[in-house]
Protein backbone atom coordinates (compact mmCIF):
# COMPACT_ATOMS: atom_id res chain seq x y z
CA MET A 1 -68.52 -1.62 -36.93
CA ILE A 2 -69.71 -5.17 -37.12
CA ILE A 3 -67.31 -7.89 -38.27
CA GLY A 4 -67.84 -10.98 -39.27
CA ILE A 5 -65.15 -13.80 -39.07
CA LEU A 6 -66.01 -16.95 -41.46
CA LYS A 7 -64.98 -20.75 -41.36
CA GLU A 8 -62.50 -21.53 -43.23
CA ILE A 9 -64.17 -24.13 -46.60
CA LYS A 10 -61.42 -24.75 -48.50
CA VAL A 11 -60.13 -28.49 -48.74
CA LYS A 12 -58.00 -28.87 -45.71
CA GLU A 13 -57.65 -25.58 -44.56
CA ASN A 14 -58.45 -25.02 -40.67
CA ARG A 15 -56.65 -21.66 -39.55
CA VAL A 16 -58.89 -19.30 -38.60
CA CYS A 17 -58.23 -15.33 -39.18
CA MET A 18 -58.80 -13.99 -35.86
CA THR A 19 -58.13 -15.39 -31.95
CA PRO A 20 -60.49 -14.82 -29.47
CA ALA A 21 -57.86 -12.19 -27.88
CA GLY A 22 -58.64 -10.72 -31.35
CA VAL A 23 -61.94 -10.60 -30.47
CA VAL A 24 -60.87 -8.85 -27.13
CA ALA A 25 -58.87 -6.43 -28.86
CA MET A 26 -61.86 -5.63 -31.65
CA LYS A 27 -64.60 -5.42 -28.24
CA ALA A 28 -62.20 -3.05 -26.37
CA ASN A 29 -62.14 -0.49 -29.65
CA GLY A 30 -66.19 -0.90 -29.64
CA HIS A 31 -66.81 -3.42 -32.43
CA ASP A 32 -69.11 -5.83 -32.62
CA VAL A 33 -67.90 -9.81 -33.73
CA LEU A 34 -69.81 -12.50 -35.41
CA VAL A 35 -68.10 -15.86 -35.77
CA GLU A 36 -68.99 -18.44 -37.87
CA LYS A 37 -69.98 -21.99 -35.81
CA ASN A 38 -66.95 -24.13 -35.48
CA ALA A 39 -64.16 -21.21 -37.21
CA GLY A 40 -62.04 -21.90 -34.42
CA ILE A 41 -61.90 -25.46 -34.24
CA GLY A 42 -59.23 -26.55 -36.37
CA SER A 43 -56.61 -24.28 -35.02
CA GLY A 44 -57.75 -25.13 -30.91
CA PHE A 45 -60.32 -22.59 -30.41
CA SER A 46 -63.86 -23.44 -28.97
CA ASN A 47 -67.12 -21.58 -29.39
CA ASP A 48 -67.27 -21.12 -25.89
CA GLU A 49 -63.66 -19.25 -26.06
CA TYR A 50 -64.83 -16.81 -28.39
CA VAL A 51 -68.19 -16.38 -26.72
CA ALA A 52 -66.01 -15.40 -23.09
CA ALA A 53 -64.34 -13.07 -25.23
CA GLY A 54 -67.56 -11.11 -26.51
CA ALA A 55 -68.27 -12.50 -29.66
CA THR A 56 -71.67 -13.60 -31.29
CA ILE A 57 -71.54 -17.35 -32.74
CA ILE A 58 -73.70 -17.72 -36.05
CA ASP A 59 -75.13 -20.53 -37.74
CA THR A 60 -74.31 -20.18 -40.96
CA PRO A 61 -71.72 -17.63 -43.29
CA ALA A 62 -74.73 -16.06 -45.12
CA LYS A 63 -76.19 -14.78 -41.86
CA ILE A 64 -72.63 -13.53 -41.14
CA CYS A 65 -72.44 -11.84 -44.61
CA GLN A 66 -75.85 -10.18 -44.21
CA LYS A 67 -75.14 -8.59 -41.22
CA ALA A 68 -70.93 -7.67 -41.08
CA GLU A 69 -70.00 -4.53 -42.61
CA MET A 70 -66.47 -6.28 -42.82
CA VAL A 71 -65.97 -9.40 -43.62
CA MET A 72 -62.54 -11.34 -42.51
CA HIS A 73 -61.11 -14.76 -44.14
CA VAL A 74 -57.90 -16.54 -44.03
CA LYS A 75 -58.16 -18.14 -47.94
CA GLU A 76 -59.67 -16.47 -50.53
CA PRO A 77 -63.28 -16.78 -50.45
CA GLN A 78 -64.53 -19.92 -52.28
CA PRO A 79 -67.27 -19.75 -55.46
CA SER A 80 -70.30 -20.47 -52.95
CA GLU A 81 -69.50 -17.59 -51.18
CA TYR A 82 -69.15 -14.93 -54.19
CA GLY A 83 -72.38 -14.18 -54.10
CA MET A 84 -72.61 -13.50 -50.38
CA LEU A 85 -70.74 -10.22 -50.51
CA ARG A 86 -72.12 -6.94 -51.35
CA LYS A 87 -71.33 -3.50 -52.64
CA GLY A 88 -70.57 -1.56 -49.22
CA GLN A 89 -69.15 -4.26 -47.60
CA ILE A 90 -65.47 -4.85 -46.81
CA LEU A 91 -63.81 -8.13 -47.46
CA PHE A 92 -60.33 -8.31 -45.89
CA THR A 93 -58.23 -11.14 -46.16
CA TYR A 94 -55.84 -13.21 -48.67
CA LEU A 95 -57.09 -12.94 -52.46
CA HIS A 96 -54.13 -13.69 -54.95
CA LEU A 97 -56.21 -12.38 -57.36
CA ALA A 98 -53.58 -12.24 -60.34
CA ALA A 99 -53.55 -16.42 -60.59
CA ASP A 100 -57.35 -16.48 -60.10
CA GLU A 101 -59.59 -14.91 -62.92
CA PRO A 102 -63.24 -16.49 -61.87
CA GLN A 103 -62.76 -14.85 -58.22
CA THR A 104 -61.46 -11.54 -59.76
CA GLN A 105 -64.86 -11.56 -61.66
CA GLY A 106 -66.55 -13.02 -58.72
CA LEU A 107 -65.66 -10.13 -56.74
CA ILE A 108 -66.09 -7.24 -59.36
CA LYS A 109 -69.54 -8.60 -59.82
CA SER A 110 -69.95 -8.34 -55.68
CA GLY A 111 -69.80 -4.87 -56.04
CA ALA A 112 -67.76 -5.40 -52.46
CA THR A 113 -64.35 -3.66 -51.49
CA CYS A 114 -61.56 -5.93 -51.21
CA ILE A 115 -58.19 -5.66 -49.19
CA ALA A 116 -55.78 -8.33 -49.78
CA TYR A 117 -53.58 -9.32 -47.13
CA GLU A 118 -50.76 -10.09 -49.41
CA THR A 119 -50.49 -6.37 -51.53
CA ILE A 120 -50.22 -4.22 -48.06
CA GLN A 121 -46.81 -3.54 -48.42
CA LYS A 122 -44.48 -1.21 -46.21
CA ALA A 123 -41.94 1.84 -47.08
CA ASP A 124 -39.17 -0.81 -47.43
CA LYS A 125 -40.57 -3.06 -49.67
CA SER A 126 -41.95 -5.87 -47.22
CA LEU A 127 -45.04 -7.47 -46.67
CA PRO A 128 -45.83 -7.75 -43.47
CA LEU A 129 -49.24 -9.92 -43.63
CA LEU A 130 -47.32 -12.14 -46.20
CA THR A 131 -44.68 -12.56 -44.39
CA PRO A 132 -45.33 -14.49 -41.06
CA MET A 133 -47.17 -17.28 -43.75
CA SER A 134 -44.15 -17.28 -45.55
CA GLU A 135 -42.42 -18.26 -42.94
CA VAL A 136 -44.14 -21.26 -42.04
CA ALA A 137 -44.66 -22.11 -45.69
CA GLY A 138 -40.73 -21.90 -46.36
CA ARG A 139 -39.83 -23.81 -43.51
CA MET A 140 -43.29 -26.58 -44.57
CA ALA A 141 -41.74 -26.83 -48.06
CA ILE A 142 -38.59 -28.29 -46.35
CA GLN A 143 -40.64 -30.72 -44.43
CA GLN A 144 -42.62 -31.68 -47.20
CA GLY A 145 -40.46 -31.75 -49.92
CA ALA A 146 -38.40 -34.13 -47.54
CA LYS A 147 -41.27 -36.46 -47.03
CA THR A 148 -41.70 -36.12 -51.14
CA LEU A 149 -38.36 -37.66 -51.55
CA GLU A 150 -39.20 -41.04 -49.79
CA ALA A 151 -39.71 -43.66 -52.48
CA THR A 152 -43.01 -44.15 -50.20
CA TYR A 153 -44.19 -40.59 -51.77
CA GLY A 154 -42.81 -41.67 -55.21
CA GLY A 155 -39.30 -39.98 -54.72
CA LEU A 156 -36.10 -41.70 -55.09
CA GLY A 157 -35.58 -42.62 -51.86
CA LYS A 158 -32.86 -40.19 -50.58
CA LEU A 159 -32.93 -38.46 -46.79
CA LEU A 160 -32.32 -35.00 -46.65
CA GLY A 161 -29.35 -35.25 -44.33
CA GLY A 162 -27.79 -38.29 -45.40
CA VAL A 163 -26.00 -39.99 -42.68
CA PRO A 164 -21.99 -40.77 -41.87
CA GLY A 165 -20.61 -42.56 -45.02
CA VAL A 166 -23.40 -41.01 -47.24
CA ALA A 167 -23.88 -37.48 -49.16
CA PRO A 168 -26.71 -35.43 -48.12
CA ALA A 169 -29.10 -34.65 -50.21
CA LYS A 170 -28.67 -31.56 -52.77
CA VAL A 171 -31.34 -28.76 -52.57
CA MET A 172 -32.37 -25.52 -54.86
CA VAL A 173 -34.06 -23.01 -53.36
CA ILE A 174 -35.17 -20.46 -56.27
CA GLY A 175 -35.83 -17.02 -54.57
CA GLY A 176 -34.00 -15.34 -51.76
CA GLY A 177 -37.12 -13.52 -50.07
CA VAL A 178 -38.76 -14.62 -46.92
CA VAL A 179 -39.91 -18.06 -48.52
CA GLY A 180 -36.54 -19.19 -49.51
CA VAL A 181 -33.98 -18.04 -46.62
CA GLN A 182 -36.78 -20.21 -44.00
CA ALA A 183 -36.84 -22.80 -46.71
CA ALA A 184 -32.81 -22.81 -47.21
CA LYS A 185 -32.66 -22.55 -42.99
CA MET A 186 -34.43 -25.62 -42.64
CA ALA A 187 -32.19 -27.49 -45.12
CA CYS A 188 -29.23 -26.41 -44.42
CA GLY A 189 -30.51 -27.69 -40.28
CA LEU A 190 -30.96 -31.09 -41.42
CA GLY A 191 -27.59 -31.31 -43.10
CA ALA A 192 -28.64 -30.85 -46.59
CA GLN A 193 -26.25 -29.56 -49.22
CA VAL A 194 -27.91 -25.76 -50.32
CA PHE A 195 -27.71 -23.70 -53.22
CA LEU A 196 -29.71 -20.57 -52.60
CA MET A 197 -30.22 -18.23 -55.84
CA ASP A 198 -31.62 -14.76 -55.78
CA ILE A 199 -31.14 -12.11 -58.72
CA SER A 200 -30.12 -9.53 -56.50
CA LEU A 201 -26.42 -9.24 -55.63
CA ASP A 202 -27.21 -6.83 -52.55
CA ARG A 203 -29.33 -9.38 -51.20
CA LEU A 204 -26.85 -12.71 -51.96
CA ARG A 205 -24.14 -10.70 -50.25
CA TYR A 206 -26.21 -10.20 -47.26
CA LEU A 207 -27.40 -14.17 -47.44
CA ASP A 208 -23.84 -15.31 -47.70
CA ASP A 209 -23.21 -13.55 -44.46
CA VAL A 210 -25.93 -15.00 -42.73
CA MET A 211 -26.68 -18.39 -43.60
CA PRO A 212 -24.66 -21.57 -42.76
CA ALA A 213 -21.73 -22.95 -44.42
CA ASN A 214 -23.94 -25.51 -46.12
CA CYS A 215 -25.24 -22.87 -48.16
CA THR A 216 -23.87 -21.69 -51.30
CA THR A 217 -25.40 -18.20 -52.19
CA LEU A 218 -25.81 -18.33 -56.24
CA MET A 219 -26.94 -15.72 -58.90
CA SER A 220 -30.25 -16.91 -60.42
CA SER A 221 -30.00 -16.95 -64.13
CA LYS A 222 -32.29 -19.77 -66.76
CA GLY A 223 -28.47 -20.99 -67.48
CA ALA A 224 -27.34 -21.04 -63.94
CA ILE A 225 -30.48 -22.88 -62.96
CA GLN A 226 -29.88 -25.46 -66.14
CA ASN A 227 -26.83 -26.33 -64.77
CA LEU A 228 -27.18 -27.37 -61.63
CA LEU A 229 -30.80 -29.09 -61.70
CA PRO A 230 -28.65 -32.34 -63.24
CA GLU A 231 -27.32 -32.69 -60.07
CA MET A 232 -30.32 -31.41 -57.65
CA ASP A 233 -32.63 -34.00 -55.75
CA LEU A 234 -34.95 -31.16 -54.88
CA VAL A 235 -36.25 -27.45 -56.10
CA ILE A 236 -37.74 -25.61 -54.11
CA GLY A 237 -40.09 -22.22 -55.94
CA ALA A 238 -39.97 -19.23 -53.84
CA VAL A 239 -39.83 -16.80 -56.63
CA LEU A 240 -42.70 -13.19 -55.75
CA ILE A 241 -43.46 -10.76 -57.92
CA PRO A 242 -46.12 -8.89 -55.00
CA GLY A 243 -49.69 -9.08 -56.20
CA ALA A 244 -48.72 -10.15 -59.45
CA LYS A 245 -48.48 -13.46 -61.53
CA ALA A 246 -45.28 -15.48 -60.84
CA PRO A 247 -42.82 -16.32 -63.57
CA ALA A 248 -42.18 -20.14 -65.01
CA VAL A 249 -38.25 -20.40 -64.06
CA ILE A 250 -38.57 -24.10 -64.87
CA THR A 251 -40.12 -25.29 -67.70
CA ARG A 252 -41.38 -28.64 -69.30
CA ASP A 253 -38.14 -29.23 -71.41
CA ASP A 254 -36.23 -28.47 -67.76
CA LEU A 255 -37.49 -31.60 -66.63
CA LYS A 256 -35.65 -33.68 -68.71
CA LEU A 257 -32.59 -32.61 -67.31
CA MET A 258 -33.58 -34.08 -63.87
CA LYS A 259 -33.15 -36.94 -62.10
CA LYS A 260 -35.95 -39.15 -61.72
CA GLY A 261 -37.71 -39.45 -58.64
CA SER A 262 -36.25 -35.97 -57.70
CA ALA A 263 -38.86 -33.34 -56.31
CA LEU A 264 -40.01 -29.57 -57.05
CA VAL A 265 -41.86 -28.09 -54.09
CA ASP A 266 -43.59 -24.32 -55.48
CA VAL A 267 -44.39 -22.54 -52.85
CA ALA A 268 -45.73 -19.87 -55.55
CA ILE A 269 -48.53 -21.94 -56.19
CA ASP A 270 -50.93 -19.22 -54.81
CA GLN A 271 -49.82 -16.86 -57.20
CA GLY A 272 -50.13 -19.27 -60.26
CA GLY A 273 -46.95 -21.25 -59.56
CA CYS A 274 -43.07 -20.52 -60.53
CA PHE A 275 -42.89 -23.77 -62.52
CA GLU A 276 -44.35 -24.31 -65.93
CA THR A 277 -45.89 -27.84 -64.54
CA SER A 278 -47.12 -26.50 -61.61
CA LYS A 279 -51.17 -27.03 -60.80
CA ALA A 280 -52.45 -26.22 -57.14
CA THR A 281 -53.24 -29.41 -55.41
CA THR A 282 -54.75 -29.96 -51.53
CA HIS A 283 -53.20 -31.11 -48.42
CA THR A 284 -55.85 -34.63 -49.23
CA ASP A 285 -54.11 -34.99 -52.72
CA PRO A 286 -50.46 -32.76 -52.66
CA THR A 287 -48.69 -34.71 -55.58
CA TYR A 288 -48.11 -35.56 -59.11
CA GLU A 289 -45.28 -36.57 -61.49
CA VAL A 290 -44.88 -35.31 -64.99
CA ASP A 291 -41.55 -36.66 -66.44
CA GLY A 292 -40.75 -38.95 -63.68
CA ILE A 293 -40.99 -35.76 -61.16
CA VAL A 294 -42.81 -35.37 -58.23
CA HIS A 295 -44.68 -32.20 -57.93
CA TYR A 296 -45.63 -31.00 -54.50
CA CYS A 297 -47.81 -27.76 -55.11
CA VAL A 298 -50.04 -27.15 -51.86
CA ALA A 299 -51.58 -24.15 -52.22
CA ASN A 300 -52.07 -23.43 -48.60
CA ILE A 301 -48.87 -24.78 -47.25
CA PRO A 302 -49.72 -23.27 -43.46
CA GLY A 303 -53.13 -25.08 -43.36
CA ALA A 304 -51.64 -28.44 -42.41
CA VAL A 305 -49.87 -26.37 -39.00
CA PRO A 306 -53.18 -24.43 -38.40
CA MET A 307 -52.34 -23.80 -34.35
CA THR A 308 -48.92 -22.16 -35.37
CA SER A 309 -50.51 -20.33 -38.68
CA THR A 310 -53.36 -18.75 -36.83
CA MET A 311 -51.67 -17.06 -34.24
CA ALA A 312 -48.63 -15.83 -36.13
CA LEU A 313 -50.84 -14.35 -39.05
CA THR A 314 -53.58 -13.00 -36.27
CA ASN A 315 -50.34 -11.59 -34.56
CA ALA A 316 -49.81 -9.27 -37.90
CA THR A 317 -53.27 -8.78 -38.97
CA LEU A 318 -55.18 -7.46 -36.38
CA PRO A 319 -53.16 -3.84 -36.11
CA TYR A 320 -54.63 -3.51 -39.45
CA ALA A 321 -58.07 -4.62 -38.94
CA ILE A 322 -59.04 -2.79 -35.87
CA GLU A 323 -57.47 0.52 -37.78
CA ILE A 324 -59.77 -0.60 -40.96
CA ALA A 325 -62.65 -0.76 -39.03
CA ASN A 326 -62.30 2.72 -36.36
CA LYS A 327 -62.00 4.42 -39.87
CA GLY A 328 -63.47 2.54 -42.02
CA TRP A 329 -61.74 1.47 -45.73
CA LYS A 330 -61.63 4.90 -46.81
CA GLN A 331 -59.96 6.81 -44.69
CA ALA A 332 -57.93 4.18 -43.63
CA CYS A 333 -56.28 4.09 -46.67
CA ILE A 334 -55.78 7.76 -46.85
CA ASP A 335 -54.20 7.43 -43.84
CA ASN A 336 -52.13 4.40 -44.45
CA ASN A 337 -50.39 4.00 -47.23
CA GLU A 338 -49.47 0.16 -46.45
CA ILE A 339 -53.45 -0.25 -46.52
CA LYS A 340 -53.85 1.76 -49.49
CA LEU A 341 -51.52 -1.20 -51.05
CA GLY A 342 -53.88 -3.27 -50.01
CA LEU A 343 -56.80 -2.23 -52.16
CA ASN A 344 -57.42 -4.38 -55.11
CA VAL A 345 -61.00 -4.18 -55.89
CA HIS A 346 -63.88 -1.20 -54.92
CA GLU A 347 -67.68 -1.71 -56.50
CA GLY A 348 -66.55 -3.63 -59.35
CA LYS A 349 -63.43 -1.35 -60.44
CA VAL A 350 -60.27 -2.73 -59.98
CA THR A 351 -57.44 -0.58 -58.50
CA TYR A 352 -54.25 -2.96 -58.32
CA LYS A 353 -52.75 -2.73 -62.00
CA ALA A 354 -50.61 -6.31 -61.74
CA VAL A 355 -54.26 -7.81 -61.21
CA CYS A 356 -55.38 -6.05 -64.70
CA ASP A 357 -52.42 -7.15 -66.27
CA ALA A 358 -53.08 -10.10 -65.72
CA PHE A 359 -56.75 -10.33 -67.68
CA ASP A 360 -56.13 -7.11 -69.44
CA LEU A 361 -58.98 -5.43 -67.05
CA THR A 362 -59.53 -1.66 -67.12
CA HIS A 363 -57.14 -0.28 -64.62
CA THR A 364 -58.86 2.07 -61.76
CA PRO A 365 -55.84 3.98 -60.24
CA VAL A 366 -57.11 3.65 -56.07
CA ASN A 367 -56.75 7.52 -55.51
CA ASP A 368 -59.58 8.07 -58.09
CA VAL A 369 -61.31 6.06 -55.83
CA LEU A 370 -60.41 7.48 -52.99
């Protein structure tokens, strides 16, 4: 198979979907790899390193899409790329379609077979290709949240961990999954007083055993969130329903309960956001205020640390990419239920129900296209 590696064009996105080591692995399996010029520069990989690994450097994304049988990205294709995709071609990347109707329609129109990193799912319900970026995003959420609390960024001017004689900040983390746990660990490590909320009692029992002493676990509910909001300095939104639009756990009315200058960091923004007042921002202009509350809603948080993020992501994606390349998309889906769950769109048909529910589209069960 001919594999095409595209350069990321989303604002301030410096990751790349395959390292030179990944190219070596693809070549060892008999595949050819085309890499767009300078695709790896932001992550520390030169064109020469890709050539030494066996790749061919191509000047433009259009030329790659013309030749490649499978196109790989990190972030979702941008509007300028929809028309480059075609029927019979595989697209393998993060898609987050349930929060992006224009992209969904663009991919339907393209006729391409689109497999989403974020909906590949193991039998234990874990999301192996979302997990590494969730780990990065969860840790980064606290770094960015701590910065957002600084007065120079519009925050109330509070140091997350406090100092001797001065109380630390209070942090609420809504969602006890990968993002939430990583965020809570970072906040605890910096000395904050942390409240970690989830709706699963079994999950809370586990977290209560493993988290540091400055982390309090709480059953999440609308009432519990509202009761805590007046005390909170920083709130991390880490709510996920795989493949579906995130629910709004904090409304605009709830902002009235919060202190002026306190901050919200919405890590669920890729899936539409879990705060009613969230709107996607970029690393260039990451924050905005609503009713005196600072919002940080960058849709590609791990893109700020591309060297770490690229390595973590490709460690997880490469085995799946090789399996799809070796077998073709259909046989890979038949043989591996994890990849089957990743199939979102095929030849104009939407095969992932949560995406159909988000936009009132006709659902085609994945078994029908297999």
